[in-house]
N, C-alpha and C. Protein backbone atom coordinates (compact mmCIF):
# COMPACT_ATOMS: atom_id res chain seq x y z
N MET A 1 129.14 92.66 4.99
CA MET A 1 128.35 91.73 5.80
C MET A 1 127.46 92.51 6.75
N SER A 2 126.18 92.19 6.77
CA SER A 2 125.25 92.90 7.63
C SER A 2 125.41 92.46 9.08
N PRO A 3 125.18 93.37 10.03
CA PRO A 3 125.32 93.00 11.44
C PRO A 3 124.27 91.97 11.85
N ARG A 4 124.63 91.17 12.85
CA ARG A 4 123.69 90.17 13.35
C ARG A 4 122.52 90.83 14.06
N SER A 5 121.37 90.22 13.97
CA SER A 5 120.18 90.75 14.62
C SER A 5 120.28 90.51 16.13
N PRO A 6 119.53 91.28 16.92
CA PRO A 6 119.54 91.08 18.38
C PRO A 6 119.16 89.65 18.78
N SER A 7 118.24 89.05 18.04
CA SER A 7 117.81 87.68 18.39
C SER A 7 118.94 86.68 18.16
N VAL A 8 119.72 86.89 17.10
CA VAL A 8 120.86 86.01 16.83
C VAL A 8 121.91 86.18 17.91
N ASN A 9 122.19 87.42 18.29
CA ASN A 9 123.17 87.66 19.35
C ASN A 9 122.73 87.03 20.66
N GLU A 10 121.45 87.11 20.96
CA GLU A 10 120.93 86.52 22.19
C GLU A 10 121.09 85.01 22.18
N GLU A 11 120.84 84.40 21.04
CA GLU A 11 120.99 82.94 20.92
C GLU A 11 122.45 82.53 21.08
N LEU A 12 123.36 83.30 20.52
CA LEU A 12 124.79 83.00 20.66
C LEU A 12 125.23 83.12 22.11
N ARG A 13 124.72 84.13 22.81
CA ARG A 13 125.05 84.28 24.23
C ARG A 13 124.50 83.11 25.04
N ARG A 14 123.29 82.68 24.71
CA ARG A 14 122.70 81.55 25.43
C ARG A 14 123.53 80.29 25.24
N ARG A 15 123.94 80.04 24.00
CA ARG A 15 124.75 78.85 23.73
C ARG A 15 126.09 78.91 24.43
N SER A 16 126.70 80.08 24.43
CA SER A 16 127.99 80.25 25.11
C SER A 16 127.85 79.99 26.61
N ARG A 17 126.81 80.52 27.20
CA ARG A 17 126.56 80.32 28.63
C ARG A 17 126.29 78.84 28.92
N ASP A 18 125.51 78.20 28.07
CA ASP A 18 125.20 76.77 28.26
C ASP A 18 126.46 75.92 28.18
N ARG A 19 127.37 76.26 27.28
CA ARG A 19 128.62 75.50 27.17
C ARG A 19 129.43 75.60 28.46
N LEU A 20 129.44 76.78 29.06
CA LEU A 20 130.15 76.95 30.32
C LEU A 20 129.51 76.13 31.44
N LEU A 21 128.18 76.11 31.47
CA LEU A 21 127.48 75.34 32.49
C LEU A 21 127.74 73.84 32.33
N GLN A 22 127.70 73.37 31.09
CA GLN A 22 127.94 71.95 30.84
C GLN A 22 129.37 71.58 31.18
N ALA A 23 130.33 72.42 30.81
CA ALA A 23 131.73 72.15 31.12
C ALA A 23 131.97 72.10 32.63
N THR A 24 131.26 72.95 33.38
CA THR A 24 131.39 72.94 34.83
C THR A 24 130.92 71.63 35.43
N VAL A 25 129.76 71.15 34.97
CA VAL A 25 129.24 69.87 35.45
C VAL A 25 130.24 68.75 35.16
N GLU A 26 130.75 68.71 33.95
CA GLU A 26 131.67 67.64 33.57
C GLU A 26 132.95 67.66 34.39
N LEU A 27 133.55 68.83 34.53
CA LEU A 27 134.85 68.92 35.20
C LEU A 27 134.74 68.70 36.70
N VAL A 28 133.76 69.30 37.34
CA VAL A 28 133.61 69.09 38.78
C VAL A 28 133.25 67.65 39.07
N ASP A 29 132.46 67.04 38.21
CA ASP A 29 132.12 65.63 38.37
C ASP A 29 133.37 64.75 38.23
N GLU A 30 134.27 65.12 37.33
CA GLU A 30 135.48 64.34 37.10
C GLU A 30 136.57 64.59 38.15
N ARG A 31 136.78 65.86 38.51
CA ARG A 31 137.95 66.24 39.29
C ARG A 31 137.64 66.72 40.71
N GLY A 32 136.39 67.09 40.96
CA GLY A 32 136.07 67.74 42.22
C GLY A 32 136.12 69.25 42.08
N TYR A 33 135.56 69.93 43.06
CA TYR A 33 135.43 71.38 42.98
C TYR A 33 136.78 72.09 43.14
N ASP A 34 137.55 71.71 44.14
CA ASP A 34 138.77 72.45 44.46
C ASP A 34 139.81 72.39 43.36
N THR A 35 139.87 71.28 42.63
CA THR A 35 140.90 71.13 41.59
C THR A 35 140.42 71.57 40.22
N THR A 36 139.22 72.10 40.14
CA THR A 36 138.70 72.63 38.88
C THR A 36 138.81 74.15 38.90
N THR A 37 139.49 74.72 37.93
CA THR A 37 139.66 76.16 37.87
C THR A 37 138.73 76.77 36.80
N LEU A 38 138.53 78.07 36.91
CA LEU A 38 137.73 78.76 35.90
C LEU A 38 138.40 78.67 34.53
N ALA A 39 139.73 78.66 34.50
CA ALA A 39 140.45 78.51 33.23
C ALA A 39 140.17 77.14 32.63
N ASP A 40 140.13 76.10 33.48
CA ASP A 40 139.81 74.76 32.99
C ASP A 40 138.43 74.73 32.35
N ILE A 41 137.49 75.38 33.03
CA ILE A 41 136.11 75.40 32.54
C ILE A 41 136.03 76.13 31.20
N ALA A 42 136.69 77.27 31.09
CA ALA A 42 136.68 78.02 29.84
C ALA A 42 137.30 77.19 28.71
N ASP A 43 138.41 76.50 29.01
CA ASP A 43 139.05 75.67 27.98
C ASP A 43 138.12 74.54 27.53
N ARG A 44 137.47 73.86 28.49
CA ARG A 44 136.58 72.75 28.13
C ARG A 44 135.40 73.26 27.29
N ALA A 45 134.93 74.46 27.60
CA ALA A 45 133.78 75.02 26.87
C ALA A 45 134.18 75.64 25.54
N GLY A 46 135.49 75.79 25.30
CA GLY A 46 135.94 76.45 24.09
C GLY A 46 135.64 77.93 24.09
N SER A 47 135.69 78.54 25.28
CA SER A 47 135.35 79.96 25.44
C SER A 47 136.55 80.74 25.95
N ALA A 48 136.51 82.05 25.76
CA ALA A 48 137.53 82.91 26.33
C ALA A 48 137.36 82.99 27.84
N ARG A 49 138.46 83.09 28.56
CA ARG A 49 138.41 83.15 30.03
C ARG A 49 137.55 84.30 30.52
N GLY A 50 137.55 85.42 29.80
CA GLY A 50 136.79 86.58 30.22
C GLY A 50 135.29 86.36 30.18
N LEU A 51 134.81 85.41 29.36
CA LEU A 51 133.38 85.16 29.28
C LEU A 51 132.84 84.56 30.58
N VAL A 52 133.67 83.81 31.29
CA VAL A 52 133.21 83.23 32.55
C VAL A 52 132.85 84.34 33.52
N SER A 53 133.73 85.32 33.65
CA SER A 53 133.47 86.44 34.55
C SER A 53 132.33 87.32 34.06
N TYR A 54 132.12 87.35 32.75
CA TYR A 54 131.04 88.15 32.19
C TYR A 54 129.68 87.58 32.60
N TYR A 55 129.56 86.26 32.60
CA TYR A 55 128.28 85.63 32.90
C TYR A 55 128.09 85.31 34.39
N PHE A 56 129.19 85.06 35.11
CA PHE A 56 129.08 84.60 36.49
C PHE A 56 130.07 85.34 37.39
N PRO A 57 129.63 85.76 38.58
CA PRO A 57 130.52 86.50 39.47
C PRO A 57 131.61 85.67 40.11
N GLY A 58 131.50 84.34 40.11
CA GLY A 58 132.52 83.51 40.73
C GLY A 58 132.25 82.04 40.49
N LYS A 59 133.18 81.20 40.95
CA LYS A 59 133.07 79.77 40.68
C LYS A 59 131.91 79.13 41.43
N ARG A 60 131.64 79.56 42.66
CA ARG A 60 130.53 79.01 43.42
C ARG A 60 129.20 79.26 42.71
N GLN A 61 129.02 80.49 42.24
CA GLN A 61 127.78 80.82 41.56
C GLN A 61 127.66 80.05 40.25
N LEU A 62 128.78 79.88 39.55
CA LEU A 62 128.79 79.11 38.32
C LEU A 62 128.40 77.66 38.59
N LEU A 63 128.96 77.07 39.64
CA LEU A 63 128.63 75.68 39.97
C LEU A 63 127.15 75.53 40.31
N GLN A 64 126.62 76.44 41.12
CA GLN A 64 125.20 76.32 41.47
C GLN A 64 124.32 76.40 40.23
N SER A 65 124.59 77.34 39.36
CA SER A 65 123.79 77.46 38.15
C SER A 65 123.92 76.20 37.29
N ALA A 66 125.13 75.65 37.22
CA ALA A 66 125.36 74.46 36.42
C ALA A 66 124.60 73.26 36.98
N VAL A 67 124.62 73.09 38.30
CA VAL A 67 123.92 71.95 38.90
C VAL A 67 122.42 72.15 38.83
N HIS A 68 121.95 73.37 39.04
CA HIS A 68 120.51 73.62 38.91
C HIS A 68 120.04 73.35 37.48
N ARG A 69 120.86 73.67 36.51
CA ARG A 69 120.51 73.35 35.12
C ARG A 69 120.43 71.84 34.92
N LEU A 70 121.43 71.12 35.43
CA LEU A 70 121.40 69.66 35.34
C LEU A 70 120.16 69.10 36.02
N MET A 71 119.82 69.64 37.18
CA MET A 71 118.69 69.13 37.94
C MET A 71 117.37 69.39 37.21
N HIS A 72 117.18 70.59 36.70
CA HIS A 72 115.89 70.87 36.05
C HIS A 72 115.77 70.11 34.73
N ARG A 73 116.87 69.91 34.03
CA ARG A 73 116.81 69.13 32.79
C ARG A 73 116.51 67.66 33.09
N THR A 74 117.16 67.12 34.13
CA THR A 74 116.91 65.74 34.53
C THR A 74 115.48 65.56 35.00
N LEU A 75 115.00 66.51 35.79
CA LEU A 75 113.65 66.46 36.32
C LEU A 75 112.61 66.54 35.20
N GLU A 76 112.82 67.46 34.28
CA GLU A 76 111.88 67.63 33.17
C GLU A 76 111.82 66.38 32.31
N GLU A 77 112.98 65.80 32.05
CA GLU A 77 113.02 64.58 31.25
C GLU A 77 112.29 63.44 31.95
N ALA A 78 112.48 63.32 33.27
CA ALA A 78 111.83 62.24 34.01
C ALA A 78 110.31 62.40 34.03
N ILE A 79 109.84 63.62 34.25
CA ILE A 79 108.40 63.86 34.33
C ILE A 79 107.72 63.63 32.98
N ASN A 80 108.41 63.98 31.90
CA ASN A 80 107.79 63.93 30.58
C ASN A 80 108.11 62.67 29.79
N ARG A 81 108.82 61.73 30.39
CA ARG A 81 109.16 60.53 29.63
C ARG A 81 107.91 59.71 29.33
N GLU A 82 108.01 58.89 28.30
CA GLU A 82 106.91 58.01 27.92
C GLU A 82 106.89 56.76 28.79
N PRO A 83 105.73 56.25 29.11
CA PRO A 83 104.43 56.84 28.84
C PRO A 83 104.16 58.00 29.80
N GLN A 84 103.69 59.13 29.28
CA GLN A 84 103.38 60.26 30.13
C GLN A 84 102.18 59.94 31.00
N SER A 85 102.12 60.59 32.14
CA SER A 85 101.08 60.28 33.11
C SER A 85 100.40 61.55 33.60
N ASP A 86 99.08 61.45 33.78
CA ASP A 86 98.32 62.54 34.37
C ASP A 86 98.11 62.34 35.87
N ASP A 87 98.61 61.22 36.38
CA ASP A 87 98.47 60.90 37.81
C ASP A 87 99.47 61.73 38.60
N GLY A 88 98.98 62.61 39.46
CA GLY A 88 99.87 63.47 40.23
C GLY A 88 100.82 62.71 41.13
N ARG A 89 100.41 61.54 41.60
CA ARG A 89 101.29 60.74 42.44
C ARG A 89 102.47 60.18 41.64
N GLU A 90 102.20 59.78 40.39
CA GLU A 90 103.27 59.29 39.52
C GLU A 90 104.25 60.42 39.19
N VAL A 91 103.72 61.61 38.95
CA VAL A 91 104.58 62.76 38.66
C VAL A 91 105.49 63.06 39.84
N LEU A 92 104.93 63.07 41.05
CA LEU A 92 105.76 63.36 42.22
C LEU A 92 106.78 62.25 42.44
N ALA A 93 106.41 61.00 42.21
CA ALA A 93 107.34 59.89 42.36
C ALA A 93 108.50 60.03 41.38
N ARG A 94 108.20 60.41 40.14
CA ARG A 94 109.26 60.60 39.14
C ARG A 94 110.19 61.75 39.55
N ALA A 95 109.62 62.81 40.10
CA ALA A 95 110.44 63.94 40.54
C ALA A 95 111.38 63.53 41.66
N ILE A 96 110.87 62.80 42.64
CA ILE A 96 111.71 62.34 43.75
C ILE A 96 112.82 61.43 43.23
N ASP A 97 112.47 60.49 42.37
CA ASP A 97 113.46 59.55 41.85
C ASP A 97 114.54 60.27 41.03
N ALA A 98 114.14 61.29 40.27
CA ALA A 98 115.12 62.02 39.46
C ALA A 98 116.15 62.71 40.32
N VAL A 99 115.71 63.36 41.39
CA VAL A 99 116.64 64.08 42.26
C VAL A 99 117.52 63.11 43.04
N LEU A 100 116.93 62.07 43.61
CA LEU A 100 117.73 61.09 44.34
C LEU A 100 118.74 60.42 43.41
N GLY A 101 118.34 60.18 42.17
CA GLY A 101 119.24 59.54 41.21
C GLY A 101 120.50 60.35 40.94
N LEU A 102 120.40 61.67 40.98
CA LEU A 102 121.58 62.50 40.80
C LEU A 102 122.57 62.31 41.94
N GLY A 103 122.04 62.13 43.16
CA GLY A 103 122.93 61.88 44.28
C GLY A 103 123.67 60.56 44.13
N VAL A 104 122.98 59.56 43.59
CA VAL A 104 123.60 58.24 43.39
C VAL A 104 124.59 58.27 42.23
N ASP A 105 124.20 58.88 41.12
CA ASP A 105 125.00 58.84 39.89
C ASP A 105 126.15 59.85 39.90
N ARG A 106 126.00 60.97 40.60
CA ARG A 106 127.01 62.02 40.57
C ARG A 106 127.34 62.51 41.99
N PRO A 107 127.86 61.62 42.84
CA PRO A 107 128.08 62.02 44.24
C PRO A 107 129.11 63.14 44.41
N VAL A 108 130.15 63.14 43.61
CA VAL A 108 131.18 64.18 43.74
C VAL A 108 130.58 65.55 43.41
N LEU A 109 129.85 65.61 42.31
CA LEU A 109 129.24 66.86 41.88
C LEU A 109 128.20 67.34 42.90
N MET A 110 127.32 66.45 43.34
CA MET A 110 126.27 66.86 44.26
C MET A 110 126.83 67.21 45.64
N ARG A 111 127.91 66.56 46.05
CA ARG A 111 128.55 66.92 47.32
C ARG A 111 129.10 68.34 47.24
N ALA A 112 129.73 68.67 46.11
CA ALA A 112 130.26 70.03 45.94
C ALA A 112 129.12 71.05 45.92
N HIS A 113 128.02 70.68 45.29
CA HIS A 113 126.87 71.58 45.23
C HIS A 113 126.29 71.82 46.62
N MET A 114 126.09 70.75 47.39
CA MET A 114 125.52 70.90 48.72
C MET A 114 126.43 71.75 49.60
N SER A 115 127.73 71.55 49.47
CA SER A 115 128.68 72.36 50.24
C SER A 115 128.57 73.83 49.86
N GLY A 116 128.41 74.12 48.58
CA GLY A 116 128.31 75.50 48.13
C GLY A 116 127.05 76.18 48.60
N VAL A 117 125.94 75.44 48.62
CA VAL A 117 124.67 76.02 49.07
C VAL A 117 124.77 76.47 50.53
N LEU A 118 125.59 75.78 51.31
CA LEU A 118 125.71 76.11 52.73
C LEU A 118 126.65 77.28 52.99
N GLN A 119 127.27 77.82 51.95
CA GLN A 119 128.12 79.00 52.12
C GLN A 119 127.25 80.23 52.34
N ALA A 120 127.89 81.33 52.68
CA ALA A 120 127.17 82.54 53.07
C ALA A 120 126.25 83.05 51.95
N GLU A 121 126.63 82.81 50.69
CA GLU A 121 125.81 83.32 49.58
C GLU A 121 124.48 82.58 49.47
N GLY A 122 124.44 81.33 49.94
CA GLY A 122 123.21 80.54 49.88
C GLY A 122 122.80 80.24 48.45
N PHE A 123 121.50 80.12 48.23
CA PHE A 123 120.98 79.84 46.89
C PHE A 123 121.26 81.00 45.95
N VAL A 124 121.67 80.67 44.74
CA VAL A 124 121.82 81.67 43.68
C VAL A 124 120.49 81.74 42.93
N GLN A 125 119.89 82.90 42.89
CA GLN A 125 118.60 83.08 42.22
C GLN A 125 118.83 83.30 40.73
N CYS A 126 119.26 82.24 40.06
CA CYS A 126 119.56 82.30 38.64
C CYS A 126 118.39 81.72 37.84
N PRO A 127 118.37 81.90 36.54
CA PRO A 127 117.28 81.31 35.74
C PRO A 127 117.17 79.80 35.90
N GLU A 128 118.29 79.11 36.08
CA GLU A 128 118.27 77.66 36.23
C GLU A 128 117.61 77.26 37.54
N GLN A 129 117.89 77.99 38.62
CA GLN A 129 117.25 77.69 39.89
C GLN A 129 115.75 77.97 39.83
N GLN A 130 115.38 79.04 39.16
CA GLN A 130 113.97 79.39 39.04
C GLN A 130 113.21 78.35 38.22
N ARG A 131 113.85 77.80 37.19
CA ARG A 131 113.21 76.75 36.40
C ARG A 131 113.04 75.48 37.23
N LEU A 132 114.04 75.14 38.01
CA LEU A 132 113.95 73.98 38.89
C LEU A 132 112.82 74.16 39.90
N ALA A 133 112.74 75.34 40.50
CA ALA A 133 111.68 75.62 41.48
C ALA A 133 110.31 75.51 40.83
N ALA A 134 110.18 75.99 39.61
CA ALA A 134 108.89 75.93 38.92
C ALA A 134 108.47 74.48 38.66
N LEU A 135 109.42 73.64 38.28
CA LEU A 135 109.11 72.24 38.00
C LEU A 135 108.71 71.49 39.27
N LEU A 136 109.43 71.72 40.36
CA LEU A 136 109.08 71.06 41.62
C LEU A 136 107.75 71.58 42.14
N GLY A 137 107.52 72.88 42.00
CA GLY A 137 106.23 73.42 42.42
C GLY A 137 105.08 72.85 41.62
N GLU A 138 105.30 72.66 40.31
CA GLU A 138 104.27 72.07 39.46
C GLU A 138 104.01 70.62 39.86
N ALA A 139 105.07 69.88 40.22
CA ALA A 139 104.90 68.50 40.65
C ALA A 139 104.05 68.42 41.92
N VAL A 140 104.31 69.33 42.86
CA VAL A 140 103.53 69.37 44.09
C VAL A 140 102.07 69.71 43.80
N GLN A 141 101.87 70.66 42.89
CA GLN A 141 100.51 71.06 42.54
C GLN A 141 99.76 69.91 41.88
N ARG A 142 100.41 69.23 40.97
CA ARG A 142 99.76 68.10 40.29
C ARG A 142 99.49 66.95 41.26
N TYR A 143 100.31 66.83 42.27
CA TYR A 143 100.09 65.83 43.31
C TYR A 143 98.79 66.10 44.08
N GLY A 144 98.38 67.36 44.12
CA GLY A 144 97.13 67.70 44.78
C GLY A 144 97.22 68.76 45.83
N SER A 145 98.35 69.43 45.94
CA SER A 145 98.52 70.45 46.97
C SER A 145 97.63 71.65 46.69
N ASP A 146 97.02 72.17 47.76
CA ASP A 146 96.30 73.44 47.63
C ASP A 146 97.05 74.55 48.34
N ALA A 147 98.30 74.28 48.70
CA ALA A 147 99.15 75.29 49.34
C ALA A 147 100.59 75.08 48.86
N VAL A 148 100.80 75.30 47.56
CA VAL A 148 102.11 75.05 46.96
C VAL A 148 103.19 75.89 47.62
N GLU A 149 102.84 77.11 48.05
CA GLU A 149 103.84 77.98 48.66
C GLU A 149 104.37 77.41 49.97
N VAL A 150 103.65 76.48 50.57
CA VAL A 150 104.10 75.79 51.79
C VAL A 150 104.70 74.44 51.45
N ASP A 151 104.04 73.70 50.58
CA ASP A 151 104.43 72.32 50.30
C ASP A 151 105.65 72.21 49.40
N TYR A 152 105.87 73.19 48.50
CA TYR A 152 107.07 73.14 47.68
C TYR A 152 108.35 73.28 48.51
N PRO A 153 108.45 74.29 49.40
CA PRO A 153 109.67 74.36 50.22
C PRO A 153 109.88 73.11 51.08
N MET A 154 108.79 72.48 51.54
CA MET A 154 108.94 71.27 52.33
C MET A 154 109.50 70.14 51.49
N LEU A 155 109.00 69.99 50.26
CA LEU A 155 109.54 68.97 49.36
C LEU A 155 111.01 69.25 49.07
N ARG A 156 111.34 70.51 48.79
CA ARG A 156 112.73 70.87 48.51
C ARG A 156 113.63 70.52 49.70
N ALA A 157 113.17 70.82 50.91
CA ALA A 157 113.96 70.53 52.09
C ALA A 157 114.16 69.02 52.27
N ARG A 158 113.11 68.25 52.04
CA ARG A 158 113.22 66.80 52.17
C ARG A 158 114.18 66.22 51.13
N LEU A 159 114.10 66.72 49.90
CA LEU A 159 114.99 66.23 48.86
C LEU A 159 116.44 66.60 49.15
N MET A 160 116.66 67.83 49.62
CA MET A 160 118.03 68.23 49.96
C MET A 160 118.59 67.37 51.08
N GLY A 161 117.76 67.10 52.07
CA GLY A 161 118.21 66.25 53.16
C GLY A 161 118.54 64.84 52.70
N ALA A 162 117.73 64.31 51.79
CA ALA A 162 117.97 62.96 51.28
C ALA A 162 119.25 62.91 50.45
N VAL A 163 119.46 63.89 49.58
CA VAL A 163 120.68 63.92 48.78
C VAL A 163 121.90 64.06 49.68
N PHE A 164 121.80 64.91 50.69
CA PHE A 164 122.91 65.07 51.64
C PHE A 164 123.25 63.73 52.27
N ALA A 165 122.23 62.96 52.66
CA ALA A 165 122.46 61.66 53.29
C ALA A 165 123.10 60.68 52.31
N ILE A 166 122.75 60.75 51.04
CA ILE A 166 123.32 59.85 50.04
C ILE A 166 124.79 60.14 49.82
N VAL A 167 125.18 61.41 49.79
CA VAL A 167 126.57 61.78 49.42
C VAL A 167 127.45 62.03 50.64
N LEU A 168 126.93 61.83 51.84
CA LEU A 168 127.71 62.11 53.05
C LEU A 168 128.93 61.20 53.11
N PRO A 169 130.14 61.75 53.12
CA PRO A 169 131.35 60.91 53.13
C PRO A 169 131.45 60.10 54.43
N GLY A 170 131.76 58.84 54.29
CA GLY A 170 131.99 58.00 55.45
C GLY A 170 130.76 57.39 56.07
N ALA A 171 129.58 57.98 55.82
CA ALA A 171 128.35 57.45 56.43
C ALA A 171 127.16 57.65 55.50
N PRO A 172 127.28 57.25 54.23
CA PRO A 172 126.16 57.45 53.31
C PRO A 172 125.01 56.51 53.64
N MET A 173 123.80 56.95 53.32
CA MET A 173 122.62 56.09 53.46
C MET A 173 122.23 55.54 52.11
N ARG A 174 121.65 54.35 52.12
CA ARG A 174 121.20 53.73 50.89
C ARG A 174 120.02 54.50 50.30
N CYS A 175 120.07 54.67 48.98
CA CYS A 175 119.05 55.45 48.30
C CYS A 175 117.65 54.86 48.50
N GLU A 176 117.54 53.52 48.46
CA GLU A 176 116.22 52.93 48.57
C GLU A 176 115.58 53.17 49.93
N LEU A 177 116.39 53.28 50.99
CA LEU A 177 115.84 53.59 52.30
C LEU A 177 115.30 55.02 52.36
N LEU A 178 116.04 55.94 51.77
CA LEU A 178 115.60 57.33 51.74
C LEU A 178 114.38 57.49 50.84
N ARG A 179 114.36 56.75 49.76
CA ARG A 179 113.19 56.77 48.87
C ARG A 179 111.96 56.24 49.61
N ALA A 180 112.14 55.15 50.34
CA ALA A 180 111.01 54.60 51.09
C ALA A 180 110.49 55.60 52.11
N ASP A 181 111.39 56.34 52.73
CA ASP A 181 111.01 57.35 53.71
C ASP A 181 110.17 58.45 53.05
N LEU A 182 110.65 58.94 51.90
CA LEU A 182 109.92 60.00 51.19
C LEU A 182 108.58 59.49 50.64
N PHE A 183 108.58 58.31 50.08
CA PHE A 183 107.34 57.76 49.55
C PHE A 183 106.33 57.54 50.66
N ARG A 184 106.82 57.12 51.81
CA ARG A 184 105.93 56.92 52.95
C ARG A 184 105.33 58.25 53.41
N ALA A 185 106.15 59.28 53.43
CA ALA A 185 105.68 60.60 53.88
C ALA A 185 104.59 61.15 52.96
N TYR A 186 104.70 60.85 51.66
CA TYR A 186 103.72 61.36 50.70
C TYR A 186 102.66 60.33 50.31
N GLY A 187 102.68 59.18 50.95
CA GLY A 187 101.67 58.17 50.67
C GLY A 187 101.75 57.61 49.26
N LEU A 188 102.96 57.47 48.70
CA LEU A 188 103.15 56.98 47.35
C LEU A 188 103.43 55.48 47.36
N ASP A 189 102.86 54.77 46.40
CA ASP A 189 103.13 53.34 46.27
C ASP A 189 104.54 53.13 45.76
N TRP A 190 105.19 52.09 46.25
CA TRP A 190 106.59 51.82 45.93
C TRP A 190 106.82 51.65 44.43
N GLN A 191 105.86 51.07 43.70
CA GLN A 191 106.07 50.78 42.28
C GLN A 191 105.96 52.02 41.41
N LEU A 192 105.53 53.15 41.94
CA LEU A 192 105.48 54.38 41.15
C LEU A 192 106.89 54.86 40.84
N GLY A 193 107.01 55.68 39.80
CA GLY A 193 108.32 56.21 39.45
C GLY A 193 109.24 55.12 38.94
N VAL A 194 110.51 55.22 39.31
CA VAL A 194 111.51 54.23 38.91
C VAL A 194 112.28 53.80 40.15
N PRO A 195 111.92 52.67 40.76
CA PRO A 195 112.66 52.20 41.94
C PRO A 195 114.14 52.08 41.62
N PRO A 196 115.03 52.60 42.46
CA PRO A 196 116.47 52.64 42.15
C PRO A 196 117.08 51.25 42.04
N GLY A 197 117.78 51.02 40.93
CA GLY A 197 118.52 49.78 40.76
C GLY A 197 117.67 48.53 40.85
N GLY A 198 116.39 48.64 40.54
CA GLY A 198 115.52 47.47 40.65
C GLY A 198 115.31 47.04 42.09
N ALA A 199 115.46 47.99 43.02
CA ALA A 199 115.33 47.66 44.45
C ALA A 199 113.96 47.09 44.75
N SER A 200 113.91 46.19 45.70
CA SER A 200 112.65 45.54 46.05
C SER A 200 111.79 46.44 46.92
N HIS A 201 110.62 45.95 47.25
CA HIS A 201 109.65 46.70 48.05
C HIS A 201 110.27 47.10 49.38
N PRO A 202 109.95 48.29 49.91
CA PRO A 202 110.55 48.75 51.16
C PRO A 202 110.24 47.86 52.36
N ALA A 203 109.25 46.98 52.24
CA ALA A 203 108.97 46.06 53.34
C ALA A 203 110.18 45.19 53.63
N GLU A 204 111.06 45.01 52.62
CA GLU A 204 112.26 44.23 52.80
C GLU A 204 113.41 45.07 53.32
N HIS A 205 113.18 46.40 53.45
CA HIS A 205 114.20 47.31 53.96
C HIS A 205 113.58 48.18 55.05
N PRO A 206 113.15 47.61 56.17
CA PRO A 206 112.49 48.41 57.20
C PRO A 206 113.40 49.52 57.72
N LEU A 207 112.78 50.68 57.95
CA LEU A 207 113.55 51.84 58.40
C LEU A 207 113.69 51.83 59.92
N THR A 208 114.34 50.82 60.42
CA THR A 208 114.45 50.68 61.87
C THR A 208 115.22 51.83 62.49
N VAL A 209 116.18 52.41 61.74
CA VAL A 209 116.96 53.50 62.31
C VAL A 209 116.11 54.73 62.51
N LEU A 210 114.99 54.83 61.77
CA LEU A 210 114.12 55.99 61.91
C LEU A 210 112.90 55.68 62.77
N GLY A 211 112.76 54.42 63.19
CA GLY A 211 111.63 54.05 64.01
C GLY A 211 110.33 53.99 63.24
N ALA A 212 110.43 53.73 61.92
CA ALA A 212 109.22 53.69 61.11
C ALA A 212 108.99 52.29 60.60
N GLY A 213 107.75 51.90 60.52
CA GLY A 213 107.41 50.58 60.00
C GLY A 213 107.41 50.61 58.49
N PRO A 214 107.19 49.45 57.84
CA PRO A 214 107.28 49.37 56.39
C PRO A 214 106.03 49.80 55.66
N THR A 215 104.98 50.24 56.37
CA THR A 215 103.75 50.63 55.71
C THR A 215 103.54 52.13 55.81
N PRO A 216 102.68 52.71 54.95
CA PRO A 216 102.42 54.15 55.02
C PRO A 216 101.83 54.58 56.35
N GLN A 217 101.38 53.64 57.18
CA GLN A 217 100.82 54.01 58.47
C GLN A 217 101.85 53.91 59.60
N GLY A 218 103.16 53.80 59.22
CA GLY A 218 104.22 53.69 60.21
C GLY A 218 104.31 54.94 61.07
N ARG A 219 105.14 54.86 62.10
CA ARG A 219 105.21 55.95 63.07
C ARG A 219 105.72 57.23 62.46
N LEU A 220 106.59 57.14 61.46
CA LEU A 220 107.11 58.36 60.83
C LEU A 220 105.97 59.16 60.23
N ARG A 221 105.04 58.49 59.58
CA ARG A 221 103.92 59.20 58.95
C ARG A 221 103.02 59.82 60.01
N SER A 222 102.83 59.14 61.12
CA SER A 222 101.95 59.68 62.15
C SER A 222 102.58 60.86 62.87
N GLN A 223 103.94 60.91 62.86
CA GLN A 223 104.62 62.00 63.55
C GLN A 223 104.85 63.20 62.64
N THR A 224 104.86 62.97 61.32
CA THR A 224 105.15 64.05 60.38
C THR A 224 103.88 64.48 59.68
N PRO A 225 103.43 65.73 59.86
CA PRO A 225 102.21 66.16 59.19
C PRO A 225 102.36 66.03 57.69
N PRO A 226 101.39 65.42 56.99
CA PRO A 226 101.49 65.29 55.54
C PRO A 226 101.30 66.63 54.88
N PRO A 227 101.80 66.79 53.63
CA PRO A 227 101.60 68.06 52.93
C PRO A 227 100.12 68.30 52.70
N ARG A 228 99.74 69.58 52.69
CA ARG A 228 98.35 69.90 52.41
C ARG A 228 98.04 69.48 50.99
N GLN A 229 96.93 68.81 50.79
CA GLN A 229 96.57 68.41 49.45
C GLN A 229 95.06 68.34 49.31
N ALA A 230 94.63 68.56 48.09
CA ALA A 230 93.20 68.49 47.83
C ALA A 230 92.72 67.06 47.91
N ARG A 231 91.42 66.88 48.09
CA ARG A 231 90.86 65.53 48.13
C ARG A 231 91.10 64.86 46.78
N GLN A 232 91.50 63.58 46.85
CA GLN A 232 91.74 62.84 45.63
C GLN A 232 90.93 61.55 45.69
N THR A 233 90.59 61.06 44.53
CA THR A 233 89.96 59.76 44.45
C THR A 233 91.04 58.72 44.28
N ARG A 234 91.22 57.90 45.28
CA ARG A 234 92.31 56.91 45.26
C ARG A 234 91.83 55.62 44.60
């Protein structure tokens, strides 16, 4: 039998790594972070325990890569779903809805992820995180930003804050209120993207706790500088 080519070996390694990432998402979502072991993950993935350590230095890093993979796959699917749109505002709305939706649909997983990001290691600069960053940066650029290096981190910070508020134990905020806040900040119409759970227009959910009115000209927008963006024909 002839030896496998380098390309075949690379593909096998990619598949093995992907199985570990998928198993991590499933198990942490089902059981929580603390009760999920690396041995559990290897068993679910059908991999040898040593492969986990080969690909990832620890469970925290594995979880971050797994969630970043889930996020970039979810984001890519949302942006590219039919009917596809060339409208930068629609693209940004889909990106926001995709990330907020993960907080709603997978609170246990996203809570574990947010907790891990706040550890001393911070963000793991893995291929999955880089792909997620590229997709969010592209969404900001298509929206009309002429300073992506400034506006992308701002969008990331706003999304992280919103997800944190959704999954906060004991005092979660409703997704539609956070969505209205983000849409107001970026001047997006409520019907863009996919309103969560068929939620009604934000005028029916005034953000009184934030001191903002139901229109894009509310006080929150006047107090928060909008992202830099090129002139657009509205």
